[in-house]
Amino acid sequence: MNKVPLSQCVHISIFGNTNVGKSSLINCITGQDVSIVSPTKGTTTDPVYKTMELIPVGPCVFIDTAGLDDKSELGLLRIKKTNKVLSKTDIAIYVMDINDINKQGYEDAKFNFKKFNVPFITVINKADTVSKQKLMKAKSELKNVLFVSSKTGEGVSFLKEELIKRIKENQEDEFLIKGIVPYGGKVVMVIPIDSEAPKGRLILPQVQLLRECLDNGIKSYVVRDTELESAILDLKDIDLVVTDSQAFKKVEKIIPKDMRITSFSILLARAKGDMDEYIKGVNTIENLPDGSKILIAECCTHNTSHEDIARVKIPMGLKKKTGKNFNFQYCVGQDFPENLKDYSLIIQCGACMVNKKTVQTRIMMAKDANIPITNYGIVLAYISGILDRAFKK
């Protein structure tokens, strides 16, 4: 399970005040000592991640977070990190101590869940520490909550059942190519081997597409750009050519004019993003004034080279295409600015290393700030002059 990419896991985050038993509960659910448990307040500092298989849902990652009521200077930094976890949370568990029901804290949490469109389950922990009379009274007063004891395990099986039910209700399948190419169709994947290609392995979007083709009975052929021309001659009735975005121009010149072409990044954008918003975003580039600030959001960290897409090819390509000098700024990994007002455009990477919720949250934040947003592959198609062809049905 530890080898499953987090981007392919359902993200389940546990929130609540300090010492309500969040860490104990996550240990109880996973059956492992994932988080340090201590009566000392503020034991959990940075978010703690643990992957597990939750049958029949599949791979999940549980995220244990710091308490929301730590008012110290360090505590406020921890709370900020905790709130950032919301942006990638598929479903939340909000935990309260039966001996200290903090109604205002609960209302604040519900407001944030609604803001980020996160479904949640409310759990009252430490049910074993009160009398039967007090427990019955609490159950009569508090509706739509689950009572558990992370110490004895009481109620945890019901929590798991509810968790599975809620995940299945809210889970959306992510398809890269299903619905684009029919059963028995042919896809040619063009994978250039250059200085940006990792040695001895394929990158995640390429692996995902190969697997989806296998799952859906789609015949796939993998070639380098240097062998593409001969591969086209070998094959007939090709339904789609999928290439690395930076090879768009070269590949487009090799394949027949009536053959459909797209990129791995555009397929990821289809699966995780909002294509309508991305197209609207790329269409604003032509009218951006010289010197406009453009935010490029990279979700993975890597060393850069002279062929780097974000820091070399997109900036140079846009300058050549528009004749303008834009001011490019970058955010990397999970960092994403809360204030987007200073930017004229956001260019999001393919997001193969983060889950769909992360991308959807960024799109929501951009829309709320009235800032257009688009995607690497779509921008590179625009730069290459084949945007219309890349979206031809």
Protein backbone atom coordinates (compact mmCIF):
# COMPACT_ATOMS: atom_id res chain seq x y z
CA MET A 1 0.00 0.00 0.00
CA ASN A 2 2.85 2.41 0.71
CA LYS A 3 3.75 2.23 -3.00
CA VAL A 4 0.33 3.46 -4.18
CA PRO A 5 0.67 7.11 -5.27
CA LEU A 6 -1.22 9.44 -2.93
CA SER A 7 -2.83 11.00 -6.00
CA GLN A 8 -4.74 7.73 -6.49
CA CYS A 9 -5.92 7.45 -2.87
CA VAL A 10 -9.12 8.73 -1.29
CA HIS A 11 -8.02 11.41 1.20
CA ILE A 12 -9.71 11.05 4.60
CA SER A 13 -8.75 13.78 7.07
CA ILE A 14 -9.42 13.87 10.81
CA PHE A 15 -10.03 17.27 12.40
CA GLY A 16 -10.88 18.50 15.88
CA ASN A 17 -9.50 20.30 18.90
CA THR A 18 -6.44 19.16 20.84
CA ASN A 19 -6.78 16.04 22.99
CA VAL A 20 -10.16 14.92 21.63
CA GLY A 21 -8.55 11.64 20.58
CA LYS A 22 -7.94 12.22 16.86
CA SER A 23 -4.65 10.32 16.85
CA SER A 24 -6.08 7.49 18.96
CA LEU A 25 -9.02 7.22 16.58
CA ILE A 26 -6.87 7.06 13.45
CA ASN A 27 -4.75 4.34 15.11
CA CYS A 28 -7.94 2.45 15.96
CA ILE A 29 -9.35 2.74 12.43
CA THR A 30 -6.12 1.67 10.72
CA GLY A 31 -5.23 -0.94 13.33
CA GLN A 32 -1.71 0.50 13.54
CA ASP A 33 0.20 2.94 15.71
CA VAL A 34 0.33 5.57 13.00
CA SER A 35 0.18 8.66 15.19
CA ILE A 36 1.85 9.40 18.52
CA VAL A 37 -0.70 9.39 21.33
CA SER A 38 -0.10 11.48 24.45
CA PRO A 39 -2.18 13.35 27.05
CA THR A 40 0.07 16.35 26.36
CA LYS A 41 -1.74 18.94 24.25
CA GLY A 42 -0.32 19.63 20.80
CA THR A 43 1.44 16.27 20.38
CA THR A 44 0.47 16.15 16.70
CA THR A 45 2.25 19.02 14.94
CA ASP A 46 2.49 18.50 11.18
CA PRO A 47 -0.16 16.39 9.41
CA VAL A 48 0.57 12.64 9.58
CA TYR A 49 -0.28 10.46 6.56
CA LYS A 50 -1.08 6.74 6.56
CA THR A 51 -2.21 4.73 3.54
CA MET A 52 -4.35 1.62 3.85
CA GLU A 53 -6.74 -0.48 1.80
CA LEU A 54 -10.31 0.24 2.83
CA ILE A 55 -12.35 -2.60 1.32
CA PRO A 56 -14.35 -2.21 -0.93
CA VAL A 57 -13.36 1.43 -1.56
CA GLY A 58 -9.71 0.73 -2.36
CA PRO A 59 -6.56 2.66 -1.42
CA CYS A 60 -7.09 5.49 1.06
CA VAL A 61 -4.84 7.86 2.94
CA PHE A 62 -5.79 8.92 6.47
CA ILE A 63 -4.48 12.33 7.51
CA ASP A 64 -4.11 13.13 11.20
CA THR A 65 -4.04 16.88 11.83
CA ALA A 66 -3.03 19.23 14.63
CA GLY A 67 -5.65 20.56 17.06
CA LEU A 68 -7.74 23.52 15.92
CA ASP A 69 -7.80 25.28 19.29
CA ASP A 70 -4.08 25.86 19.89
CA LYS A 71 -3.82 29.66 20.22
CA SER A 72 -0.04 29.86 20.72
CA GLU A 73 2.13 31.41 18.00
CA LEU A 74 3.38 27.97 16.97
CA GLY A 75 -0.13 26.60 17.27
CA LEU A 76 -1.47 29.15 14.78
CA LEU A 77 1.11 27.96 12.25
CA ARG A 78 -0.03 24.39 12.87
CA ILE A 79 -3.67 25.39 12.39
CA LYS A 80 -2.75 27.04 9.09
CA LYS A 81 -1.19 23.75 7.94
CA THR A 82 -4.26 21.87 9.17
CA ASN A 83 -6.58 24.13 7.21
CA LYS A 84 -4.47 23.58 4.08
CA VAL A 85 -5.24 19.87 4.38
CA LEU A 86 -8.88 20.75 3.64
CA SER A 87 -7.97 21.65 0.07
CA LYS A 88 -7.18 17.99 -0.70
CA THR A 89 -9.68 16.27 1.59
CA ASP A 90 -12.25 14.00 -0.08
CA ILE A 91 -14.09 13.33 3.18
CA ALA A 92 -13.52 14.65 6.71
CA ILE A 93 -14.08 13.19 10.16
CA TYR A 94 -14.67 15.85 12.81
CA VAL A 95 -13.96 14.57 16.33
CA MET A 96 -15.23 15.98 19.64
CA ASP A 97 -14.65 14.82 23.22
CA ILE A 98 -17.92 13.80 24.91
CA ASN A 99 -16.66 15.53 28.06
CA ASP A 100 -16.09 18.84 26.26
CA ILE A 101 -18.52 19.50 23.40
CA ASN A 102 -17.22 22.68 21.79
CA LYS A 103 -20.22 23.89 19.80
CA GLN A 104 -18.58 27.04 18.46
CA GLY A 105 -15.55 25.10 17.25
CA TYR A 106 -17.92 22.65 15.58
CA GLU A 107 -19.79 25.46 13.80
CA ASP A 108 -16.49 26.94 12.60
CA ALA A 109 -15.42 23.56 11.26
CA LYS A 110 -18.74 23.06 9.46
CA PHE A 111 -18.33 26.48 7.84
CA ASN A 112 -14.91 25.46 6.48
CA PHE A 113 -16.20 22.08 5.29
CA LYS A 114 -18.94 23.87 3.38
CA LYS A 115 -16.48 26.45 2.01
CA PHE A 116 -14.26 23.72 0.53
CA ASN A 117 -17.20 21.47 -0.39
CA VAL A 118 -15.98 18.64 1.84
CA PRO A 119 -18.49 16.02 3.04
CA PHE A 120 -17.95 15.14 6.70
CA ILE A 121 -18.86 12.74 9.49
CA THR A 122 -19.17 13.97 13.07
CA VAL A 123 -17.78 11.69 15.76
CA ILE A 124 -18.10 11.98 19.54
CA ASN A 125 -15.11 10.20 21.07
CA LYS A 126 -14.37 8.84 24.57
CA ALA A 127 -17.85 7.37 24.98
CA ASP A 128 -16.32 4.91 27.47
CA THR A 129 -15.45 7.70 29.93
CA VAL A 130 -19.01 8.71 30.88
CA SER A 131 -21.90 7.00 32.62
CA LYS A 132 -24.70 5.33 30.67
CA GLN A 133 -27.05 8.11 31.74
CA LYS A 134 -24.77 10.84 30.40
CA LEU A 135 -24.20 8.88 27.19
CA MET A 136 -27.95 8.47 26.64
CA LYS A 137 -28.49 12.18 27.32
CA ALA A 138 -25.79 13.11 24.79
CA LYS A 139 -27.31 10.79 22.19
CA SER A 140 -30.72 12.40 22.66
CA GLU A 141 -29.29 15.91 22.29
CA LEU A 142 -26.80 15.37 19.46
CA LYS A 143 -28.25 14.14 16.17
CA ASN A 144 -26.50 12.78 13.07
CA VAL A 145 -23.32 11.96 14.98
CA LEU A 146 -21.53 8.71 15.77
CA PHE A 147 -20.43 7.83 19.31
CA VAL A 148 -17.19 5.89 19.58
CA SER A 149 -14.41 4.96 21.94
CA SER A 150 -10.97 4.83 20.39
CA LYS A 151 -9.79 3.15 23.60
CA THR A 152 -12.19 0.18 23.56
CA GLY A 153 -13.00 0.20 19.84
CA GLU A 154 -16.71 0.64 20.55
CA GLY A 155 -18.53 2.13 17.54
CA VAL A 156 -15.45 2.14 15.28
CA SER A 157 -16.84 -0.61 13.01
CA PHE A 158 -19.98 1.51 12.50
CA LEU A 159 -17.75 4.49 11.71
CA LYS A 160 -15.93 2.46 9.06
CA GLU A 161 -19.25 1.38 7.52
CA GLU A 162 -20.48 4.98 7.41
CA LEU A 163 -17.15 6.10 5.97
CA ILE A 164 -17.37 3.53 3.17
CA LYS A 165 -20.97 4.49 2.46
CA ARG A 166 -20.19 8.22 2.27
CA ILE A 167 -17.11 7.71 0.11
CA LYS A 168 -19.09 5.61 -2.38
CA GLU A 169 -21.81 8.28 -2.47
CA ASN A 170 -19.32 11.06 -3.26
CA GLN A 171 -16.67 9.22 -5.24
CA GLU A 172 -16.31 10.13 -8.91
CA ASP A 173 -14.45 7.88 -11.29
CA GLU A 174 -11.49 9.49 -13.05
CA PHE A 175 -11.12 8.43 -16.66
CA LEU A 176 -8.28 9.54 -18.88
CA ILE A 177 -9.47 7.99 -22.12
CA LYS A 178 -12.70 6.08 -21.52
CA GLY A 179 -15.44 7.62 -23.63
CA ILE A 180 -12.91 9.04 -26.11
CA VAL A 181 -11.68 5.78 -27.64
CA PRO A 182 -14.04 2.79 -28.02
CA TYR A 183 -13.48 -0.81 -26.98
CA GLY A 184 -11.02 -2.38 -29.42
CA GLY A 185 -9.75 1.03 -30.55
CA LYS A 186 -6.10 1.89 -31.11
CA VAL A 187 -4.05 4.44 -29.21
CA VAL A 188 -0.46 5.36 -30.02
CA MET A 189 1.46 6.83 -27.08
CA VAL A 190 4.45 8.95 -28.06
CA ILE A 191 7.03 9.16 -25.28
CA PRO A 192 10.16 11.19 -26.09
CA ILE A 193 13.28 10.05 -24.28
CA ASP A 194 15.11 13.28 -23.49
CA SER A 195 16.90 14.79 -20.51
CA GLU A 196 13.55 15.32 -18.74
CA ALA A 197 12.59 11.62 -18.99
CA PRO A 198 13.33 9.61 -15.81
CA LYS A 199 15.85 6.83 -16.38
CA GLY A 200 14.49 3.30 -16.58
CA ARG A 201 10.83 4.06 -15.91
CA LEU A 202 7.69 5.71 -17.22
CA ILE A 203 6.08 8.66 -15.49
CA LEU A 204 2.75 8.27 -13.71
CA PRO A 205 0.40 9.63 -16.44
CA GLN A 206 1.92 7.23 -18.97
CA VAL A 207 1.47 4.28 -16.60
CA GLN A 208 -2.10 5.34 -15.80
CA LEU A 209 -3.04 5.58 -19.46
CA LEU A 210 -1.51 2.18 -20.25
CA ARG A 211 -3.46 0.61 -17.40
CA GLU A 212 -6.73 2.28 -18.41
CA CYS A 213 -6.30 1.03 -21.97
CA LEU A 214 -5.81 -2.50 -20.64
CA ASP A 215 -8.83 -2.21 -18.33
CA ASN A 216 -11.08 -1.07 -21.17
CA GLY A 217 -9.91 -3.31 -24.00
CA ILE A 218 -8.18 -0.52 -25.90
CA LYS A 219 -5.10 -1.55 -27.88
CA SER A 220 -2.11 0.61 -27.03
CA TYR A 221 1.19 1.08 -28.82
CA VAL A 222 4.12 2.88 -27.21
CA VAL A 223 6.82 4.50 -29.34
CA ARG A 224 9.41 7.23 -29.15
CA ASP A 225 8.95 10.28 -31.33
CA THR A 226 11.91 9.06 -33.40
CA GLU A 227 10.02 5.88 -34.40
CA LEU A 228 6.57 7.45 -34.75
CA GLU A 229 6.63 7.83 -38.53
CA SER A 230 7.36 4.14 -39.14
CA ALA A 231 4.81 3.15 -36.47
CA ILE A 232 2.10 5.11 -38.30
CA LEU A 233 2.93 3.15 -41.47
CA ASP A 234 2.73 -0.16 -39.56
CA LEU A 235 -0.70 0.54 -38.08
CA LYS A 236 -4.13 1.24 -39.55
CA ASP A 237 -7.25 2.88 -38.14
CA ILE A 238 -5.53 4.70 -35.28
CA ASP A 239 -8.13 6.37 -33.07
CA LEU A 240 -5.88 8.69 -31.11
CA VAL A 241 -2.25 9.75 -30.75
CA VAL A 242 -1.26 10.81 -27.23
CA THR A 243 2.02 12.64 -26.87
CA ASP A 244 4.07 14.43 -24.30
CA SER A 245 2.92 18.07 -24.49
CA GLN A 246 6.33 19.45 -25.35
CA ALA A 247 6.50 17.23 -28.46
CA PHE A 248 3.18 18.53 -29.85
CA LYS A 249 4.66 20.42 -32.79
CA LYS A 250 6.98 17.62 -33.89
CA VAL A 251 4.33 14.90 -33.59
CA GLU A 252 1.67 17.00 -35.32
CA LYS A 253 3.88 17.32 -38.38
CA ILE A 254 4.45 13.55 -38.59
CA ILE A 255 0.90 12.21 -38.29
CA PRO A 256 -1.82 12.58 -40.96
CA LYS A 257 -3.91 15.77 -40.78
CA ASP A 258 -7.12 13.86 -40.09
CA MET A 259 -5.66 11.89 -37.16
CA ARG A 260 -6.68 12.97 -33.66
CA ILE A 261 -3.96 14.12 -31.28
CA THR A 262 -3.86 15.09 -27.61
CA SER A 263 -1.41 15.00 -24.71
CA PHE A 264 -1.04 13.19 -21.40
CA SER A 265 -1.45 16.53 -19.61
CA ILE A 266 -4.71 17.32 -21.41
CA LEU A 267 -6.08 13.87 -20.56
CA LEU A 268 -5.19 14.49 -16.90
CA ALA A 269 -6.90 17.87 -17.12
CA ARG A 270 -10.01 16.10 -18.40
CA ALA A 271 -9.91 13.61 -15.53
CA LYS A 272 -9.14 15.99 -12.66
CA GLY A 273 -9.85 19.52 -13.79
CA ASP A 274 -12.52 21.56 -15.55
CA MET A 275 -11.99 21.67 -19.31
CA ASP A 276 -14.41 24.54 -19.86
CA GLU A 277 -12.55 26.71 -17.33
CA TYR A 278 -9.18 25.69 -18.77
CA ILE A 279 -10.20 26.61 -22.33
CA LYS A 280 -11.61 29.94 -21.13
CA GLY A 281 -8.31 30.51 -19.33
CA VAL A 282 -6.05 29.84 -22.30
CA ASN A 283 -8.20 32.10 -24.48
CA THR A 284 -7.36 35.07 -22.23
CA ILE A 285 -3.63 34.90 -23.01
CA GLU A 286 -3.86 36.86 -26.24
CA ASN A 287 -5.36 39.86 -24.43
CA LEU A 288 -3.03 39.89 -21.41
CA PRO A 289 -1.01 43.11 -21.21
CA ASP A 290 2.76 43.05 -21.31
CA GLY A 291 4.24 42.41 -17.86
CA SER A 292 1.19 40.53 -16.54
CA LYS A 293 1.88 38.23 -13.59
CA ILE A 294 1.29 34.57 -14.38
CA LEU A 295 1.34 31.94 -11.64
CA ILE A 296 2.64 28.52 -12.67
CA ALA A 297 1.53 25.84 -10.21
CA GLU A 298 3.74 22.75 -10.12
CA CYS A 299 2.55 19.89 -7.93
CA CYS A 300 5.82 17.98 -7.80
CA THR A 301 9.35 19.00 -6.93
CA HIS A 302 12.22 18.21 -9.28
CA ASN A 303 15.49 19.66 -10.43
CA THR A 304 15.17 21.91 -13.45
CA SER A 305 17.02 21.66 -16.76
CA HIS A 306 17.25 23.53 -20.04
CA GLU A 307 14.20 21.51 -21.19
CA ASP A 308 12.02 22.20 -18.15
CA ILE A 309 8.40 22.77 -19.18
CA ALA A 310 7.39 25.23 -16.47
CA ARG A 311 10.52 27.35 -16.25
CA VAL A 312 11.80 27.23 -19.81
CA LYS A 313 9.41 25.96 -22.48
CA ILE A 314 6.18 27.67 -21.40
CA PRO A 315 7.78 31.10 -20.71
CA MET A 316 9.81 31.03 -23.93
CA GLY A 317 6.88 29.68 -25.94
CA LEU A 318 4.48 32.35 -24.71
CA LYS A 319 7.00 35.10 -25.39
CA LYS A 320 7.50 33.85 -28.94
CA LYS A 321 3.76 33.36 -29.49
CA THR A 322 2.58 36.70 -28.08
CA GLY A 323 5.65 38.92 -28.35
CA LYS A 324 5.12 39.91 -24.70
CA ASN A 325 7.28 39.62 -21.60
CA PHE A 326 5.18 38.13 -18.83
CA ASN A 327 6.19 38.03 -15.17
CA PHE A 328 6.20 34.34 -14.23
CA GLN A 329 5.95 33.27 -10.61
CA TYR A 330 5.88 29.75 -9.22
CA CYS A 331 4.37 27.70 -6.44
CA VAL A 332 5.55 24.14 -5.87
CA GLY A 333 4.07 21.03 -4.25
CA GLN A 334 1.12 21.61 -1.93
CA ASP A 335 1.82 25.35 -1.62
CA PHE A 336 -0.78 27.49 -3.34
CA PRO A 337 -1.33 31.20 -2.61
CA GLU A 338 -4.45 32.10 -0.67
CA ASN A 339 -4.49 35.52 -2.31
CA LEU A 340 -4.67 35.25 -6.11
CA LYS A 341 -5.74 38.82 -6.86
CA ASP A 342 -2.31 39.92 -8.12
CA TYR A 343 -2.24 37.34 -10.91
CA SER A 344 -3.68 37.66 -14.40
CA LEU A 345 -3.58 33.91 -15.12
CA ILE A 346 -2.85 30.60 -13.39
CA ILE A 347 -1.28 27.72 -15.32
CA GLN A 348 -1.76 24.43 -13.46
CA CYS A 349 0.43 21.41 -14.20
CA GLY A 350 -1.10 18.06 -15.14
CA ALA A 351 -1.36 17.31 -11.40
CA CYS A 352 -0.41 13.65 -11.63
CA MET A 353 1.04 13.79 -8.09
CA VAL A 354 -2.04 15.20 -6.32
CA ASN A 355 -5.63 14.08 -6.03
CA LYS A 356 -8.60 15.48 -7.93
CA LYS A 357 -9.85 17.37 -4.88
CA THR A 358 -6.65 19.45 -4.78
CA VAL A 359 -7.12 20.52 -8.40
CA GLN A 360 -10.84 21.20 -7.96
CA THR A 361 -10.09 23.38 -4.92
CA ARG A 362 -7.58 25.43 -6.90
CA ILE A 363 -10.08 25.93 -9.71
CA MET A 364 -12.70 26.99 -7.15
CA MET A 365 -10.27 29.49 -5.58
CA ALA A 366 -9.41 30.90 -9.01
CA LYS A 367 -13.08 31.31 -9.91
CA ASP A 368 -13.82 32.97 -6.56
CA ALA A 369 -10.99 35.44 -7.22
CA ASN A 370 -12.14 35.90 -10.84
CA ILE A 371 -8.72 34.81 -12.11
CA PRO A 372 -8.59 32.62 -15.25
CA ILE A 373 -6.92 29.23 -14.90
CA THR A 374 -5.63 26.76 -17.48
CA ASN A 375 -3.33 23.74 -17.81
CA TYR A 376 0.21 22.98 -19.07
CA GLY A 377 -0.90 20.77 -21.96
CA ILE A 378 -3.54 23.23 -23.14
CA VAL A 379 -1.04 26.12 -23.06
CA LEU A 380 1.52 24.07 -25.00
CA ALA A 381 -1.14 23.17 -27.58
CA TYR A 382 -1.92 26.90 -27.88
CA ILE A 383 1.78 27.73 -28.28
CA SER A 384 2.14 25.02 -30.95
CA GLY A 385 -0.89 26.35 -32.84
CA ILE A 386 -2.84 23.10 -32.59
CA LEU A 387 -5.31 23.92 -29.82
CA ASP A 388 -8.36 23.26 -32.01
CA ARG A 389 -6.94 20.00 -33.28
CA ALA A 390 -6.08 18.78 -29.77
CA PHE A 391 -9.76 19.06 -28.82
CA LYS A 392 -11.25 17.77 -32.05
CA LYS A 393 -13.82 15.03 -31.39
